[in-house]
Amino acid sequence: MSTSNATGHNTAATPQSKIVAVPAVARRYARKPAIQRITSNGTIAAAAMVLAAIVAVIVANTDAYFAVREFLEAPLAVQVGPFIGSISLEGFINDFLMAIFFLSVGIELKYELTAGVLTNPRHALMPILAACGGVAVPALIYSVFNASGNIGGWAVPIATDIAFALGIMSLAGDKVAPAAKVFFSTLAIADDLLGIIVIALFYGQTPSIPRLAAAVGVCVLLGLLNVLQVFHARYYVVLGILLWFCMLNSGVHATLAGVILAFFLPARSDIRLDSVKDWLSDRGDELDDIYDPQMHVLGQHEFTHTAKRVENIMHRVTPPLQRVETTIATPVNFIILPLFAFANAQLRLVGVDMASVVSDPVALGCFFGLVLGKPIGIIAVTALSVKIGFSPLPEGATWGQMLCVGVLGGVGFTMCILISGLSFSSGPEQLAAKCAVLAASVTASLLGLALLNVAHATEVRKGKQVAAE
């Protein structure tokens, strides 16, 4: 077999220092570039969202607030033939861009159901039940504070911000058992699913039968793509955008289009993985036969055409579900969520009586629902499951670590703010709810990290005592 190089240049005419060998290129691509390491870091992504929220609060309490509000409320118009659609920039962020966020959540749910922890009912059921406790108790606490008032906001404190909370937990490093992290991830995913169900059932509008019928029709088309085994992600994405248009003002929140699309995206490849090795070997022999070491790469049309065909086929080894997730992950973490945080954390406190905000039953219900209700609900259900022998604690986890898991469940930034916007159209109630959610998320983050450090120090001390004995 003749020797080739990755540049495709004539080896006889190219200085040895200019030749780039295939293994060298492979090693270079195997190393994560700095930008990729940053964008794949959950802690940095959570920090970007928090920074955007902090900037929003600062801006909201300056004279720039009015210009920002005018900008966010500016209409965006789209015209297709005789049809004209208009939505404010803030609505575009909350309805369309957050649908992409919900798409990423739906993809993670489908992944866990297909190949992750949710495939094993035994392992998945306890954190799922714990998530139910972590939803029920905060809703109950909110309802107690608002029994004679704004009861409609009961769902504001029920959700855990999966990106934010997991980013905070990652700061603990190896102080948390891996199984406890898996438990928390599963709990947060189940929590998101419950939040999605609550939004769908309780925070819609008056149903629009024509729009809902059109949305069902698009879902049928998405199902047909699955039946026909279409594995090109772009067709699903186009129909997903159409589904969003149909669901907008349909009576069902438009962001749910992202979740629906995720569950229609194929989670398997249209390439038989057991045949890839033999196929690649045949293509390698074919490339070796048609390579001409005396010809410049620009003249090796058959070689480059065959190489491109190999590239296209290998691209399709990755399922559409995974390809879409890879495409949207960075924009979601570093553009969409920070934009959402900036647009929705515009809390203008100038001239506001903070005493009335702090004592508002809505604020009290949201704050204590997250800070107390979440850990109480999660730990109570977990303890009951262990007590009756339904399931043991995650391997290597301690009750101290599980308490920290429950407290970090109170980090409810994204979903809670979204639900507060759906619960209260405007006015002091929405301000009180958003202030409480921000305060509770900060409190739960700091308290959770502090408890993790205390629990870890206690375990180390006990370990030393056992070793000394």
Protein backbone atom coordinates (compact mmCIF):
# COMPACT_ATOMS: atom_id res chain seq x y z
CA MET A 1 0.00 0.00 0.00
CA SER A 2 1.29 3.47 -0.84
CA THR A 3 1.90 6.06 1.88
CA SER A 4 -0.45 9.05 1.97
CA ASN A 5 -0.63 12.18 4.06
CA ALA A 6 -3.59 14.18 5.37
CA THR A 7 -2.86 17.23 3.24
CA GLY A 8 -2.97 15.30 -0.02
CA HIS A 9 0.15 17.10 -1.38
CA ASN A 10 2.85 15.38 -3.41
CA THR A 11 5.21 13.96 -0.77
CA ALA A 12 8.15 14.17 -3.12
CA ALA A 13 7.68 17.88 -3.74
CA THR A 14 6.66 18.95 -0.22
CA PRO A 15 9.28 19.70 2.47
CA GLN A 16 9.20 17.10 5.23
CA SER A 17 8.39 19.82 7.82
CA LYS A 18 5.19 20.70 5.95
CA ILE A 19 3.82 17.16 5.90
CA VAL A 20 0.96 16.58 8.36
CA ALA A 21 0.54 12.87 9.14
CA VAL A 22 -2.91 11.41 9.78
CA PRO A 23 -2.10 10.36 13.39
CA ALA A 24 -0.93 13.91 14.16
CA VAL A 25 -4.19 15.38 12.84
CA ALA A 26 -6.19 12.76 14.77
CA ARG A 27 -4.38 13.66 17.99
CA ARG A 28 -5.03 17.36 17.37
CA TYR A 29 -8.76 16.76 16.91
CA ALA A 30 -8.84 14.46 19.93
CA ARG A 31 -7.70 17.33 22.14
CA LYS A 32 -10.54 19.65 23.11
CA PRO A 33 -9.89 23.22 21.99
CA ALA A 34 -10.12 25.81 24.76
CA ILE A 35 -13.44 27.15 23.46
CA GLN A 36 -14.93 23.65 23.49
CA ARG A 37 -13.76 23.04 27.05
CA ILE A 38 -15.45 26.27 28.10
CA THR A 39 -18.74 25.66 26.30
CA SER A 40 -19.03 22.10 27.64
CA ASN A 41 -18.48 23.19 31.26
CA GLY A 42 -21.78 23.22 33.15
CA THR A 43 -20.43 25.47 35.89
CA ILE A 44 -19.38 28.15 33.40
CA ALA A 45 -22.76 27.91 31.67
CA ALA A 46 -24.57 28.38 34.99
CA ALA A 47 -22.28 31.32 35.81
CA ALA A 48 -23.15 32.98 32.48
CA MET A 49 -26.85 32.77 33.30
CA VAL A 50 -26.34 34.14 36.82
CA LEU A 51 -24.18 36.98 35.50
CA ALA A 52 -26.91 37.93 33.02
CA ALA A 53 -29.44 38.03 35.86
CA ILE A 54 -27.17 40.21 37.99
CA VAL A 55 -26.63 42.61 35.09
CA ALA A 56 -30.40 42.72 34.53
CA VAL A 57 -31.08 43.69 38.14
CA ILE A 58 -28.38 46.38 38.03
CA VAL A 59 -29.66 47.80 34.72
CA ALA A 60 -33.26 47.72 35.94
CA ASN A 61 -32.37 50.08 38.77
CA THR A 62 -30.72 52.71 36.58
CA ASP A 63 -32.08 55.15 34.02
CA ALA A 64 -31.21 52.62 31.31
CA TYR A 65 -34.21 50.53 32.44
CA PHE A 66 -36.72 52.46 30.34
CA ALA A 67 -34.67 52.13 27.15
CA VAL A 68 -34.19 48.39 27.80
CA ARG A 69 -37.91 47.88 28.40
CA GLU A 70 -38.75 49.77 25.22
CA PHE A 71 -36.28 47.58 23.33
CA LEU A 72 -37.66 44.34 24.79
CA GLU A 73 -41.24 45.37 24.01
CA ALA A 74 -40.42 46.36 20.41
CA PRO A 75 -42.51 44.29 17.96
CA LEU A 76 -40.94 41.78 15.58
CA ALA A 77 -43.06 41.24 12.46
CA VAL A 78 -42.88 38.37 9.98
CA GLN A 79 -44.88 38.34 6.74
CA VAL A 80 -45.44 35.29 4.53
CA GLY A 81 -47.69 36.29 1.65
CA PRO A 82 -50.91 37.76 3.08
CA PHE A 83 -50.16 36.42 6.58
CA ILE A 84 -48.48 38.78 9.04
CA GLY A 85 -47.30 37.69 12.46
CA SER A 86 -46.04 40.01 15.19
CA ILE A 87 -44.42 39.29 18.52
CA SER A 88 -42.41 41.43 20.92
CA LEU A 89 -38.72 40.75 21.40
CA GLU A 90 -39.44 39.66 24.97
CA GLY A 91 -42.16 37.33 23.69
CA PHE A 92 -39.74 35.96 21.09
CA ILE A 93 -37.25 35.16 23.85
CA ASN A 94 -39.82 33.64 26.23
CA ASP A 95 -41.85 31.75 23.63
CA PHE A 96 -39.55 30.88 20.70
CA LEU A 97 -36.02 30.79 22.12
CA MET A 98 -37.23 29.01 25.25
CA ALA A 99 -38.86 26.42 22.99
CA ILE A 100 -35.30 25.59 21.89
CA PHE A 101 -34.34 25.27 25.56
CA PHE A 102 -37.30 22.93 26.06
CA LEU A 103 -36.07 20.99 23.02
CA SER A 104 -32.77 20.41 24.83
CA VAL A 105 -34.68 19.34 27.96
CA GLY A 106 -36.82 16.96 25.88
CA ILE A 107 -33.71 15.50 24.23
CA GLU A 108 -32.19 14.82 27.64
CA LEU A 109 -35.42 13.19 28.80
CA LYS A 110 -35.55 10.97 25.73
CA TYR A 111 -31.89 10.06 26.12
CA GLU A 112 -32.39 9.00 29.73
CA LEU A 113 -35.51 7.00 28.80
CA THR A 114 -33.71 5.32 25.89
CA ALA A 115 -30.17 4.70 27.10
CA GLY A 116 -29.73 6.39 30.50
CA VAL A 117 -30.79 5.89 34.09
CA LEU A 118 -34.51 5.99 33.33
CA THR A 119 -34.27 2.75 31.35
CA ASN A 120 -34.00 0.84 34.65
CA PRO A 121 -37.30 1.30 36.50
CA ARG A 122 -35.76 0.12 39.75
CA HIS A 123 -33.00 2.74 39.70
CA ALA A 124 -35.18 5.50 38.31
CA LEU A 125 -38.29 5.17 40.45
CA MET A 126 -36.90 6.48 43.75
CA PRO A 127 -35.54 9.80 42.37
CA ILE A 128 -38.73 10.17 40.32
CA LEU A 129 -40.84 9.72 43.46
CA ALA A 130 -38.51 12.11 45.31
CA ALA A 131 -39.11 14.65 42.53
CA CYS A 132 -42.87 14.26 43.07
CA GLY A 133 -42.36 15.02 46.77
CA GLY A 134 -40.21 17.99 45.79
CA VAL A 135 -43.10 19.31 43.70
CA ALA A 136 -45.98 18.59 46.07
CA VAL A 137 -44.57 20.08 49.28
CA PRO A 138 -43.52 23.48 47.79
CA ALA A 139 -46.93 23.80 46.15
CA LEU A 140 -48.55 23.02 49.52
CA ILE A 141 -46.39 25.57 51.36
CA TYR A 142 -47.21 28.26 48.78
CA SER A 143 -50.92 27.44 49.06
CA VAL A 144 -50.81 27.78 52.87
CA PHE A 145 -49.34 31.29 52.58
CA ASN A 146 -51.81 32.28 49.84
CA ALA A 147 -54.95 30.40 50.81
CA SER A 148 -57.02 33.58 50.72
CA GLY A 149 -55.19 35.36 47.91
CA ASN A 150 -53.09 34.58 44.83
CA ILE A 151 -53.48 30.81 44.89
CA GLY A 152 -52.92 30.65 41.14
CA GLY A 153 -49.16 30.96 41.64
CA TRP A 154 -48.90 27.60 43.43
CA ALA A 155 -46.69 26.16 40.66
CA VAL A 156 -44.01 28.89 40.81
CA PRO A 157 -41.83 27.17 43.47
CA ILE A 158 -42.16 23.60 42.19
CA ALA A 159 -39.34 23.48 39.61
CA THR A 160 -35.59 22.87 39.89
CA ASP A 161 -33.29 24.62 37.41
CA ILE A 162 -31.38 21.61 36.10
CA ALA A 163 -28.56 23.59 34.45
CA PHE A 164 -28.04 25.95 37.39
CA ALA A 165 -28.33 23.27 40.10
CA LEU A 166 -26.02 20.77 38.39
CA GLY A 167 -23.54 23.57 37.77
CA ILE A 168 -23.54 24.38 41.49
CA MET A 169 -23.15 20.70 42.40
CA SER A 170 -20.19 20.36 40.06
CA LEU A 171 -18.34 22.88 42.28
CA ALA A 172 -18.35 20.23 45.01
CA GLY A 173 -16.12 17.94 42.91
CA ASP A 174 -15.53 14.55 44.55
CA LYS A 175 -17.20 15.59 47.81
CA VAL A 176 -20.39 14.03 46.43
CA ALA A 177 -20.63 10.33 45.58
CA PRO A 178 -21.09 9.69 41.82
CA ALA A 179 -24.29 7.75 42.53
CA ALA A 180 -25.68 10.76 44.44
CA LYS A 181 -24.97 12.97 41.42
CA VAL A 182 -26.82 10.50 39.19
CA PHE A 183 -29.71 10.51 41.68
CA PHE A 184 -29.84 14.32 41.58
CA SER A 185 -29.61 14.41 37.77
CA THR A 186 -32.51 11.96 37.49
CA LEU A 187 -34.49 13.92 40.07
CA ALA A 188 -33.91 17.19 38.21
CA ILE A 189 -34.92 15.65 34.88
CA ALA A 190 -38.11 14.21 36.40
CA ASP A 191 -38.73 17.59 38.04
CA ASP A 192 -38.45 19.30 34.64
CA LEU A 193 -40.90 16.80 33.17
CA LEU A 194 -43.40 17.53 35.96
CA GLY A 195 -42.95 21.26 35.35
CA ILE A 196 -43.65 20.75 31.65
CA ILE A 197 -46.82 18.81 32.47
CA VAL A 198 -47.96 21.55 34.87
CA ILE A 199 -47.41 24.25 32.24
CA ALA A 200 -49.33 22.20 29.67
CA LEU A 201 -52.28 21.50 31.97
CA PHE A 202 -52.64 24.67 34.03
CA TYR A 203 -51.04 27.57 32.19
CA GLY A 204 -52.58 27.50 28.78
CA GLN A 205 -55.10 29.92 27.33
CA THR A 206 -58.57 29.49 25.88
CA PRO A 207 -58.12 26.66 23.38
CA SER A 208 -58.08 27.53 19.68
CA ILE A 209 -59.46 24.47 17.93
CA PRO A 210 -58.10 25.34 14.45
CA ARG A 211 -54.58 25.94 15.78
CA LEU A 212 -54.66 22.80 17.92
CA ALA A 213 -55.91 20.79 14.93
CA ALA A 214 -53.05 22.18 12.82
CA ALA A 215 -50.58 21.25 15.58
CA VAL A 216 -51.96 17.71 15.65
CA GLY A 217 -51.56 17.58 11.87
CA VAL A 218 -47.89 18.55 12.17
CA CYS A 219 -47.40 15.87 14.84
CA VAL A 220 -48.87 13.34 12.40
CA LEU A 221 -46.30 14.45 9.80
CA LEU A 222 -43.52 14.08 12.36
CA GLY A 223 -44.77 10.59 13.16
CA LEU A 224 -44.89 9.79 9.45
CA LEU A 225 -41.22 10.76 9.13
CA ASN A 226 -40.47 8.22 11.85
CA VAL A 227 -42.51 5.51 10.15
CA LEU A 228 -40.74 6.19 6.85
CA GLN A 229 -37.40 6.04 8.71
CA VAL A 230 -36.27 9.50 7.67
CA PHE A 231 -33.01 10.27 9.47
CA HIS A 232 -32.30 13.78 8.17
CA ALA A 233 -32.66 16.08 11.18
CA ARG A 234 -33.44 19.14 9.05
CA TYR A 235 -36.88 17.80 8.06
CA TYR A 236 -37.82 17.36 11.72
CA VAL A 237 -36.52 20.84 12.60
CA VAL A 238 -38.56 22.47 9.81
CA LEU A 239 -41.71 20.71 11.01
CA GLY A 240 -40.80 21.63 14.59
CA ILE A 241 -40.77 25.33 13.67
CA LEU A 242 -44.12 24.87 11.94
CA LEU A 243 -45.43 23.14 15.06
CA TRP A 244 -44.34 26.13 17.16
CA PHE A 245 -46.26 28.50 14.87
CA CYS A 246 -49.36 26.31 15.18
CA MET A 247 -49.09 26.13 18.98
CA LEU A 248 -48.53 29.88 19.41
CA ASN A 249 -51.77 31.29 20.85
CA SER A 250 -53.37 27.84 20.56
CA GLY A 251 -54.17 27.56 24.26
CA VAL A 252 -51.12 25.37 24.90
CA HIS A 253 -47.86 27.13 25.72
CA ALA A 254 -45.75 27.31 22.56
CA THR A 255 -42.51 26.28 24.31
CA LEU A 256 -43.92 22.74 24.61
CA ALA A 257 -43.36 22.39 20.86
CA GLY A 258 -39.69 21.85 21.71
CA VAL A 259 -40.46 18.89 23.97
CA ILE A 260 -42.82 17.36 21.40
CA LEU A 261 -40.20 17.69 18.67
CA ALA A 262 -37.57 16.03 20.87
CA PHE A 263 -39.67 12.90 21.31
CA PHE A 264 -40.13 12.57 17.54
CA LEU A 265 -36.41 12.88 16.75
CA PRO A 266 -34.99 9.43 15.94
CA ALA A 267 -32.76 8.11 18.72
CA ARG A 268 -31.10 5.47 16.54
CA SER A 269 -28.86 5.50 13.52
CA ASP A 270 -29.81 4.41 10.02
CA ILE A 271 -26.33 2.86 9.75
CA ARG A 272 -25.76 -0.70 10.94
CA LEU A 273 -22.96 -0.18 13.43
CA ASP A 274 -21.76 -3.76 13.20
CA SER A 275 -20.98 -3.25 9.51
CA VAL A 276 -19.11 0.05 9.83
CA LYS A 277 -15.69 -1.52 10.38
CA ASP A 278 -15.84 -3.69 7.24
CA TRP A 279 -17.27 -0.84 5.15
CA LEU A 280 -14.52 1.53 6.27
CA SER A 281 -11.90 -1.09 5.50
CA ASP A 282 -13.24 -1.44 1.95
CA ARG A 283 -13.28 2.35 1.51
CA GLY A 284 -9.72 2.52 2.83
CA ASP A 285 -8.59 0.07 0.16
CA GLU A 286 -10.53 2.04 -2.45
CA LEU A 287 -8.88 5.31 -1.40
CA ASP A 288 -5.47 3.64 -1.47
CA ASP A 289 -6.05 2.42 -5.02
CA ILE A 290 -7.14 5.78 -6.45
CA TYR A 291 -4.59 7.95 -4.63
CA ASP A 292 -1.93 9.42 -6.93
CA PRO A 293 1.12 10.64 -4.96
CA GLN A 294 2.32 12.64 -7.99
CA MET A 295 -0.82 14.78 -8.22
CA HIS A 296 -1.87 17.85 -6.21
CA VAL A 297 -4.90 17.40 -3.99
CA LEU A 298 -6.93 19.78 -6.16
CA GLY A 299 -6.54 17.40 -9.08
CA GLN A 300 -7.49 14.22 -7.18
CA HIS A 301 -11.20 14.49 -7.84
CA GLU A 302 -12.04 10.81 -7.44
CA PHE A 303 -10.07 10.59 -4.18
CA THR A 304 -11.70 13.67 -2.61
CA HIS A 305 -15.16 12.63 -3.85
CA THR A 306 -14.78 9.21 -2.21
CA ALA A 307 -13.42 10.78 0.98
CA LYS A 308 -16.41 13.14 1.06
CA ARG A 309 -18.77 10.18 0.69
CA VAL A 310 -17.08 8.47 3.63
CA GLU A 311 -17.45 11.67 5.65
CA ASN A 312 -21.17 11.92 4.85
CA ILE A 313 -21.82 8.30 5.76
CA MET A 314 -19.90 8.53 9.04
CA HIS A 315 -21.85 11.69 9.90
CA ARG A 316 -25.04 9.63 9.73
CA VAL A 317 -23.74 7.12 12.26
CA THR A 318 -24.73 9.65 14.94
CA PRO A 319 -28.53 9.58 15.54
CA PRO A 320 -30.47 12.77 14.66
CA LEU A 321 -31.36 13.22 18.36
CA GLN A 322 -27.68 13.49 19.26
CA ARG A 323 -26.81 15.67 16.26
CA VAL A 324 -29.50 18.21 17.19
CA GLU A 325 -28.39 18.20 20.83
CA THR A 326 -24.79 18.91 19.82
CA THR A 327 -25.94 21.75 17.57
CA ILE A 328 -28.10 23.55 20.12
CA ALA A 329 -26.20 22.88 23.38
CA THR A 330 -23.85 25.87 23.20
CA PRO A 331 -26.45 28.39 21.96
CA VAL A 332 -28.86 27.26 24.70
CA ASN A 333 -26.31 27.57 27.50
CA PHE A 334 -24.54 30.74 26.41
CA ILE A 335 -27.14 32.69 24.41
CA ILE A 336 -30.71 31.59 25.10
CA LEU A 337 -30.59 31.10 28.88
CA PRO A 338 -28.57 34.29 29.54
CA LEU A 339 -30.97 36.24 27.28
CA PHE A 340 -33.92 34.76 29.15
CA ALA A 341 -32.33 35.63 32.49
CA PHE A 342 -31.61 39.19 31.36
CA ALA A 343 -35.11 39.75 29.97
CA ASN A 344 -36.92 38.27 32.96
CA ALA A 345 -34.79 39.48 35.84
CA GLN A 346 -35.62 43.14 35.16
CA LEU A 347 -36.59 43.81 38.77
CA ARG A 348 -36.91 47.57 39.26
CA LEU A 349 -36.82 48.23 42.98
CA VAL A 350 -36.50 52.02 42.78
CA GLY A 351 -39.32 53.50 44.88
CA VAL A 352 -40.57 50.05 45.86
CA ASP A 353 -41.41 49.38 49.49
CA MET A 354 -39.16 46.37 50.09
CA ALA A 355 -40.86 45.64 53.38
CA SER A 356 -44.14 45.06 51.52
CA VAL A 357 -42.37 42.88 48.94
CA VAL A 358 -40.68 40.76 51.59
CA SER A 359 -43.92 40.36 53.56
CA ASP A 360 -46.03 39.65 50.46
CA PRO A 361 -47.64 36.18 50.79
CA VAL A 362 -46.59 35.44 47.18
CA ALA A 363 -42.93 36.12 48.04
CA LEU A 364 -43.14 34.13 51.26
CA GLY A 365 -44.81 31.19 49.56
CA CYS A 366 -42.27 31.10 46.72
CA PHE A 367 -39.23 31.58 48.95
CA PHE A 368 -40.11 29.04 51.62
CA GLY A 369 -41.58 26.68 49.04
CA LEU A 370 -38.16 26.48 47.37
CA VAL A 371 -35.83 26.74 50.39
CA LEU A 372 -37.84 24.53 52.77
CA GLY A 373 -40.41 22.72 50.64
CA LYS A 374 -37.96 21.24 48.18
CA PRO A 375 -35.63 19.56 50.72
CA ILE A 376 -38.55 18.46 52.91
CA GLY A 377 -40.38 16.84 50.00
CA ILE A 378 -37.29 15.21 48.49
CA ILE A 379 -35.80 13.90 51.76
CA ALA A 380 -39.16 12.73 53.16
CA VAL A 381 -39.94 10.58 50.13
CA THR A 382 -36.36 9.27 49.96
CA ALA A 383 -36.36 8.37 53.66
CA LEU A 384 -39.72 6.63 53.32
CA SER A 385 -38.47 4.63 50.33
CA VAL A 386 -35.41 3.48 52.29
CA LYS A 387 -37.43 2.79 55.46
CA ILE A 388 -39.91 0.47 53.76
CA GLY A 389 -37.13 -1.29 51.86
CA PHE A 390 -38.28 -0.08 48.47
CA SER A 391 -34.81 1.09 47.50
CA PRO A 392 -31.50 1.72 49.29
CA LEU A 393 -29.60 4.98 49.28
CA PRO A 394 -27.45 5.53 46.18
CA GLU A 395 -24.17 3.63 46.50
CA GLY A 396 -21.58 5.60 48.46
CA ALA A 397 -24.02 8.38 49.35
CA THR A 398 -24.70 9.49 52.93
CA TRP A 399 -27.72 11.17 54.45
CA GLY A 400 -25.65 14.34 54.70
CA GLN A 401 -25.13 14.29 50.94
CA MET A 402 -28.79 13.54 50.33
CA LEU A 403 -29.77 16.53 52.48
CA CYS A 404 -27.55 18.68 50.24
CA VAL A 405 -29.27 17.20 47.18
CA GLY A 406 -32.62 18.22 48.64
CA VAL A 407 -31.44 21.75 49.40
CA LEU A 408 -29.97 22.21 45.90
CA GLY A 409 -33.35 21.16 44.55
CA GLY A 410 -34.47 24.61 45.70
CA VAL A 411 -32.40 26.26 42.97
CA GLY A 412 -35.38 27.07 40.77
CA PHE A 413 -34.20 29.89 38.58
CA THR A 414 -35.27 29.35 34.94
CA MET A 415 -38.48 27.33 35.18
CA CYS A 416 -39.73 29.19 38.25
CA ILE A 417 -39.30 32.59 36.60
CA LEU A 418 -41.02 31.27 33.47
CA ILE A 419 -43.97 29.99 35.51
CA SER A 420 -44.14 33.25 37.50
CA GLY A 421 -44.54 35.13 34.21
CA LEU A 422 -47.39 32.79 33.29
CA SER A 423 -49.02 33.03 36.72
CA PHE A 424 -48.95 36.79 37.16
CA SER A 425 -49.31 39.05 34.15
CA SER A 426 -47.69 42.03 35.84
CA GLY A 427 -47.76 44.14 38.97
CA PRO A 428 -46.55 43.59 42.53
CA GLU A 429 -47.31 39.86 42.53
CA GLN A 430 -44.91 39.14 39.64
CA LEU A 431 -42.25 41.35 41.21
CA ALA A 432 -42.66 39.57 44.55
CA ALA A 433 -42.50 36.14 42.91
CA LYS A 434 -39.38 36.91 40.86
CA CYS A 435 -37.62 38.51 43.85
CA ALA A 436 -38.42 35.44 45.94
CA VAL A 437 -37.22 33.03 43.24
CA LEU A 438 -33.90 34.87 42.86
CA ALA A 439 -33.41 35.09 46.64
CA ALA A 440 -34.33 31.42 47.12
CA SER A 441 -32.00 30.26 44.32
CA VAL A 442 -29.07 32.16 45.83
CA THR A 443 -29.91 30.91 49.34
CA ALA A 444 -30.28 27.29 48.22
CA SER A 445 -27.00 27.46 46.27
CA LEU A 446 -24.97 28.85 49.17
CA LEU A 447 -26.66 26.66 51.78
CA GLY A 448 -26.24 23.54 49.63
CA LEU A 449 -22.52 24.15 49.11
CA ALA A 450 -22.00 24.91 52.80
CA LEU A 451 -23.79 21.71 53.84
CA LEU A 452 -21.74 19.72 51.31
CA ASN A 453 -18.53 21.01 52.88
CA VAL A 454 -19.81 20.23 56.39
CA ALA A 455 -20.94 16.73 55.36
CA HIS A 456 -17.60 16.03 53.67
CA ALA A 457 -15.61 17.26 56.69
CA THR A 458 -17.74 15.08 58.98
CA GLU A 459 -17.16 12.00 56.80
CA VAL A 460 -13.40 12.65 56.72
CA ARG A 461 -13.30 13.05 60.50
CA LYS A 462 -15.24 9.81 61.01
CA GLY A 463 -12.92 8.04 58.61
CA LYS A 464 -9.88 9.18 60.58
CA GLN A 465 -11.47 8.05 63.84
CA VAL A 466 -12.18 4.59 62.41
CA ALA A 467 -8.61 4.36 61.09
CA ALA A 468 -7.20 5.38 64.49
CA GLU A 469 -9.22 2.69 66.25
